[in-house]
PDB file of N, CA and C in Angstrom:
ATOM      1  N   UNK A   1     101.955 104.086 103.239  1.00  0.00           N
ATOM      2  CA  UNK A   1     102.197 104.339 102.159  1.00  0.00           C
ATOM      3  C   UNK A   1     102.039 103.133 102.336  1.00  0.00           C
ATOM      4  N   UNK A   2     100.823 103.339 101.151  1.00  0.00           N
ATOM      5  CA  UNK A   2     100.009 102.172 100.490  1.00  0.00           C
ATOM      6  C   UNK A   2     100.606 101.922  98.799  1.00  0.00           C
ATOM      7  N   UNK A   3     101.187 100.012  98.583  1.00  0.00           N
ATOM      8  CA  UNK A   3     101.885  99.409  97.022  1.00  0.00           C
ATOM      9  C   UNK A   3     100.658 100.127  96.483  1.00  0.00           C
ATOM     10  N   UNK A   4      99.989  99.994  96.409  1.00  0.00           N
ATOM     11  CA  UNK A   4      98.883 100.551  95.727  1.00  0.00           C
ATOM     12  C   UNK A   4      97.615 101.644  95.271  1.00  0.00           C
ATOM     13  N   UNK A   5      96.647 101.857  94.173  1.00  0.00           N
ATOM     14  CA  UNK A   5      96.381 103.426  94.204  1.00  0.00           C
ATOM     15  C   UNK A   5      95.537 102.759  93.258  1.00  0.00           C
ATOM     16  N   UNK A   6      93.974 103.021  93.730  1.00  0.00           N
ATOM     17  CA  UNK A   6      93.348 103.006  93.193  1.00  0.00           C
ATOM     18  C   UNK A   6      91.496 103.808  91.863  1.00  0.00           C
ATOM     19  N   UNK A   7      92.268 103.515  91.345  1.00  0.00           N
ATOM     20  CA  UNK A   7      91.508 104.639  89.548  1.00  0.00           C
ATOM     21  C   UNK A   7      89.857 105.232  90.312  1.00  0.00           C
ATOM     22  N   UNK A   8      90.575 106.770  90.157  1.00  0.00           N
ATOM     23  CA  UNK A   8      88.384 107.087  90.767  1.00  0.00           C
ATOM     24  C   UNK A   8      87.633 107.038  89.658  1.00  0.00           C
ATOM     25  N   UNK A   9      88.586 106.569  88.336  1.00  0.00           N
ATOM     26  CA  UNK A   9      87.532 106.347  86.851  1.00  0.00           C
ATOM     27  C   UNK A   9      86.387 105.077  87.245  1.00  0.00           C
ATOM     28  N   UNK A  10      87.205 104.206  86.875  1.00  0.00           N
ATOM     29  CA  UNK A  10      87.114 102.876  87.349  1.00  0.00           C
ATOM     30  C   UNK A  10      87.329 101.960  88.324  1.00  0.00           C
ATOM     31  N   UNK A  11      87.609 102.704  89.273  1.00  0.00           N
ATOM     32  CA  UNK A  11      88.059 101.181  90.439  1.00  0.00           C
ATOM     33  C   UNK A  11      89.385 100.205  90.168  1.00  0.00           C
ATOM     34  N   UNK A  12      90.138 100.028  88.864  1.00  0.00           N
ATOM     35  CA  UNK A  12      90.959  99.301  89.088  1.00  0.00           C
ATOM     36  C   UNK A  12      91.850  99.342  89.861  1.00  0.00           C
ATOM     37  N   UNK A  13      92.763  98.800  90.744  1.00  0.00           N
ATOM     38  CA  UNK A  13      93.818  98.918  91.954  1.00  0.00           C
ATOM     39  C   UNK A  13      95.373  98.735  90.739  1.00  0.00           C
ATOM     40  N   UNK A  14      96.302 100.367  90.653  1.00  0.00           N
ATOM     41  CA  UNK A  14      96.934 100.019  90.204  1.00  0.00           C
ATOM     42  C   UNK A  14      98.119  99.679  91.176  1.00  0.00           C
ATOM     43  N   UNK A  15      99.154  99.468  90.681  1.00  0.00           N
ATOM     44  CA  UNK A  15     100.773  98.927  92.103  1.00  0.00           C
ATOM     45  C   UNK A  15     101.136 101.207  92.154  1.00  0.00           C
ATOM     46  N   UNK A  16     101.500 101.635  92.801  1.00  0.00           N
ATOM     47  CA  UNK A  16     101.656 102.662  93.078  1.00  0.00           C
ATOM     48  C   UNK A  16     102.077 103.239  92.588  1.00  0.00           C
ATOM     49  N   UNK A  17     103.248 102.402  92.046  1.00  0.00           N
ATOM     50  CA  UNK A  17     104.517 103.193  91.245  1.00  0.00           C
ATOM     51  C   UNK A  17     103.320 103.917  89.609  1.00  0.00           C
ATOM     52  N   UNK A  18     102.725 103.536  89.187  1.00  0.00           N
ATOM     53  CA  UNK A  18     101.326 103.718  88.141  1.00  0.00           C
ATOM     54  C   UNK A  18     101.318 104.849  88.175  1.00  0.00           C
ATOM     55  N   UNK A  19     101.093 105.828  87.090  1.00  0.00           N
ATOM     56  CA  UNK A  19     101.057 107.086  86.865  1.00  0.00           C
ATOM     57  C   UNK A  19      99.909 106.802  85.523  1.00  0.00           C
ATOM     58  N   UNK A  20      99.570 106.120  84.722  1.00  0.00           N
ATOM     59  CA  UNK A  20      98.106 106.477  84.613  1.00  0.00           C
ATOM     60  C   UNK A  20      97.835 104.844  84.514  1.00  0.00           C
ATOM     61  N   UNK A  21      95.600 104.904  84.296  1.00  0.00           N
ATOM     62  CA  UNK A  21      95.348 103.142  85.172  1.00  0.00           C
ATOM     63  C   UNK A  21      95.820 102.293  84.217  1.00  0.00           C
ATOM     64  N   UNK A  22      95.972 100.494  84.184  1.00  0.00           N
ATOM     65  CA  UNK A  22      95.994 100.287  83.844  1.00  0.00           C
ATOM     66  C   UNK A  22      95.352 100.001  83.230  1.00  0.00           C
ATOM     67  N   UNK A  23      94.008  99.741  83.632  1.00  0.00           N
ATOM     68  CA  UNK A  23      92.737  99.292  83.202  1.00  0.00           C
ATOM     69  C   UNK A  23      91.878 100.033  81.781  1.00  0.00           C
ATOM     70  N   UNK A  24      91.853 101.669  82.383  1.00  0.00           N
ATOM     71  CA  UNK A  24      91.042 102.532  81.762  1.00  0.00           C
ATOM     72  C   UNK A  24      92.189 103.614  80.984  1.00  0.00           C
ATOM     73  N   UNK A  25      93.464 103.399  81.060  1.00  0.00           N
ATOM     74  CA  UNK A  25      94.013 104.393  81.186  1.00  0.00           C
ATOM     75  C   UNK A  25      94.234 105.778  82.249  1.00  0.00           C
ATOM     76  N   UNK A  26      93.250 106.464  82.696  1.00  0.00           N
ATOM     77  CA  UNK A  26      93.465 107.943  83.340  1.00  0.00           C
ATOM     78  C   UNK A  26      94.381 107.142  84.821  1.00  0.00           C
ATOM     79  N   UNK A  27      94.968 108.970  83.349  1.00  0.00           N
ATOM     80  CA  UNK A  27      95.575 109.842  84.459  1.00  0.00           C
ATOM     81  C   UNK A  27      94.977 109.006  86.743  1.00  0.00           C
ATOM     82  N   UNK A  28      96.535 109.036  87.210  1.00  0.00           N
ATOM     83  CA  UNK A  28      96.088 108.638  88.736  1.00  0.00           C
ATOM     84  C   UNK A  28      96.239 109.669  89.670  1.00  0.00           C
ATOM     85  N   UNK A  29      95.428 109.845  89.984  1.00  0.00           N
ATOM     86  CA  UNK A  29      96.143 111.166  91.139  1.00  0.00           C
ATOM     87  C   UNK A  29      96.130 110.372  92.480  1.00  0.00           C
ATOM     88  N   UNK A  30      97.025 110.988  93.248  1.00  0.00           N
ATOM     89  CA  UNK A  30      97.197 110.645  94.699  1.00  0.00           C
ATOM     90  C   UNK A  30      96.470 112.439  96.064  1.00  0.00           C
ATOM     91  N   UNK A  31      96.059 111.486  96.599  1.00  0.00           N
ATOM     92  CA  UNK A  31      95.444 112.088  97.463  1.00  0.00           C
ATOM     93  C   UNK A  31      96.879 112.414  98.509  1.00  0.00           C
ATOM     94  N   UNK A  32      97.838 112.123  98.014  1.00  0.00           N
ATOM     95  CA  UNK A  32      99.323 113.124  99.194  1.00  0.00           C
ATOM     96  C   UNK A  32      99.604 114.892  98.769  1.00  0.00           C
ATOM     97  N   UNK A  33      98.470 114.766  97.617  1.00  0.00           N
ATOM     98  CA  UNK A  33      98.676 116.158  96.917  1.00  0.00           C
ATOM     99  C   UNK A  33      98.392 117.503  98.310  1.00  0.00           C
ATOM    100  N   UNK A  34      98.945 118.514  98.765  1.00  0.00           N
ATOM    101  CA  UNK A  34      98.698 119.326  99.751  1.00  0.00           C
ATOM    102  C   UNK A  34      97.257 119.902  99.058  1.00  0.00           C
ATOM    103  N   UNK A  35      96.342 120.328 100.129  1.00  0.00           N
ATOM    104  CA  UNK A  35      94.948 120.297  99.865  1.00  0.00           C
ATOM    105  C   UNK A  35      94.274 119.250  98.871  1.00  0.00           C
ATOM    106  N   UNK A  36      94.606 118.936  98.588  1.00  0.00           N
ATOM    107  CA  UNK A  36      93.537 117.140  98.875  1.00  0.00           C
ATOM    108  C   UNK A  36      92.486 118.023  97.478  1.00  0.00           C
ATOM    109  N   UNK A  37      93.290 118.812  96.153  1.00  0.00           N
ATOM    110  CA  UNK A  37      91.827 118.237  95.694  1.00  0.00           C
ATOM    111  C   UNK A  37      91.707 117.794  94.768  1.00  0.00           C
ATOM    112  N   UNK A  38      90.032 117.797  94.829  1.00  0.00           N
ATOM    113  CA  UNK A  38      89.384 117.145  93.870  1.00  0.00           C
ATOM    114  C   UNK A  38      89.256 117.311  92.851  1.00  0.00           C
ATOM    115  N   UNK A  39      89.572 116.539  91.693  1.00  0.00           N
ATOM    116  CA  UNK A  39      90.189 115.307  89.476  1.00  0.00           C
ATOM    117  C   UNK A  39      88.824 117.524  89.278  1.00  0.00           C
ATOM    118  N   UNK A  40      89.266 117.505  88.916  1.00  0.00           N
ATOM    119  CA  UNK A  40      87.977 118.393  87.792  1.00  0.00           C
ATOM    120  C   UNK A  40      88.111 119.980  88.314  1.00  0.00           C
ATOM    121  N   UNK A  41      88.972 120.273  89.428  1.00  0.00           N
ATOM    122  CA  UNK A  41      87.887 121.215  90.034  1.00  0.00           C
ATOM    123  C   UNK A  41      89.430 122.476  90.039  1.00  0.00           C
ATOM    124  N   UNK A  42      89.264 123.667  89.723  1.00  0.00           N
ATOM    125  CA  UNK A  42      89.669 124.263  89.873  1.00  0.00           C
ATOM    126  C   UNK A  42      88.937 126.065  90.569  1.00  0.00           C
ATOM    127  N   UNK A  43      89.693 126.506  91.205  1.00  0.00           N
ATOM    128  CA  UNK A  43      89.806 127.888  91.610  1.00  0.00           C
ATOM    129  C   UNK A  43      88.185 128.617  91.541  1.00  0.00           C
ATOM    130  N   UNK A  44      87.623 129.035  92.577  1.00  0.00           N
ATOM    131  CA  UNK A  44      86.290 130.138  91.151  1.00  0.00           C
ATOM    132  C   UNK A  44      87.143 131.180  89.951  1.00  0.00           C
ATOM    133  N   UNK A  45      86.331 131.446  89.483  1.00  0.00           N
ATOM    134  CA  UNK A  45      86.698 132.270  88.557  1.00  0.00           C
ATOM    135  C   UNK A  45      86.883 134.279  89.539  1.00  0.00           C
ATOM    136  N   UNK A  46      87.032 134.921  89.347  1.00  0.00           N
ATOM    137  CA  UNK A  46      87.044 135.744  90.681  1.00  0.00           C
ATOM    138  C   UNK A  46      86.121 137.155  89.570  1.00  0.00           C
ATOM    139  N   UNK A  47      85.824 138.134  90.051  1.00  0.00           N
ATOM    140  CA  UNK A  47      84.305 138.554  89.783  1.00  0.00           C
ATOM    141  C   UNK A  47      84.792 140.126  88.866  1.00  0.00           C
TER     142      UNK A  47
END
Protein backbone atom coordinates (compact mmCIF):
# COMPACT_ATOMS: atom_id res chain seq x y z
CA UNK A 1 0.00 0.00 0.00
CA UNK A 2 1.22 3.46 -0.86
CA UNK A 3 1.98 6.03 1.83
CA UNK A 4 0.69 8.84 -0.39
CA UNK A 5 -2.44 9.72 -2.36
CA UNK A 6 -2.27 12.12 -5.31
CA UNK A 7 -5.21 14.48 -5.69
CA UNK A 8 -7.05 13.91 -8.98
CA UNK A 9 -8.07 17.57 -9.04
CA UNK A 10 -4.75 19.41 -8.57
CA UNK A 11 -2.04 16.73 -8.47
CA UNK A 12 -0.92 17.53 -4.91
CA UNK A 13 0.66 14.58 -3.08
CA UNK A 14 -1.07 13.94 0.27
CA UNK A 15 -0.43 11.37 2.98
CA UNK A 16 -2.50 8.18 2.72
CA UNK A 17 -4.34 9.03 5.95
CA UNK A 18 -5.69 12.32 4.55
CA UNK A 19 -9.34 12.40 3.51
CA UNK A 20 -9.14 15.82 1.83
CA UNK A 21 -6.42 17.41 -0.31
CA UNK A 22 -4.13 19.68 1.68
CA UNK A 23 -3.83 22.00 -1.33
CA UNK A 24 -7.30 22.37 -2.88
CA UNK A 25 -9.52 20.73 -0.24
CA UNK A 26 -11.14 18.22 -2.58
CA UNK A 27 -12.20 14.84 -1.17
CA UNK A 28 -9.53 12.24 -1.93
CA UNK A 29 -10.85 9.07 -3.53
CA UNK A 30 -8.94 5.86 -3.14
CA UNK A 31 -8.38 3.39 -5.97
CA UNK A 32 -8.83 0.42 -3.62
CA UNK A 33 -12.63 0.63 -3.74
CA UNK A 34 -14.34 -2.34 -5.44
CA UNK A 35 -15.10 -1.63 -9.08
CA UNK A 36 -12.65 1.28 -9.27
CA UNK A 37 -15.44 3.72 -10.08
CA UNK A 38 -14.17 7.05 -11.32
CA UNK A 39 -15.21 10.22 -9.55
CA UNK A 40 -18.49 11.72 -10.65
CA UNK A 41 -19.76 8.54 -12.28
CA UNK A 42 -23.15 7.06 -11.61
CA UNK A 43 -24.90 4.01 -13.02
CA UNK A 44 -26.98 4.72 -16.11
CA UNK A 45 -30.58 5.69 -15.43
CA UNK A 46 -33.14 2.97 -16.09
CA UNK A 47 -35.39 3.68 -19.06
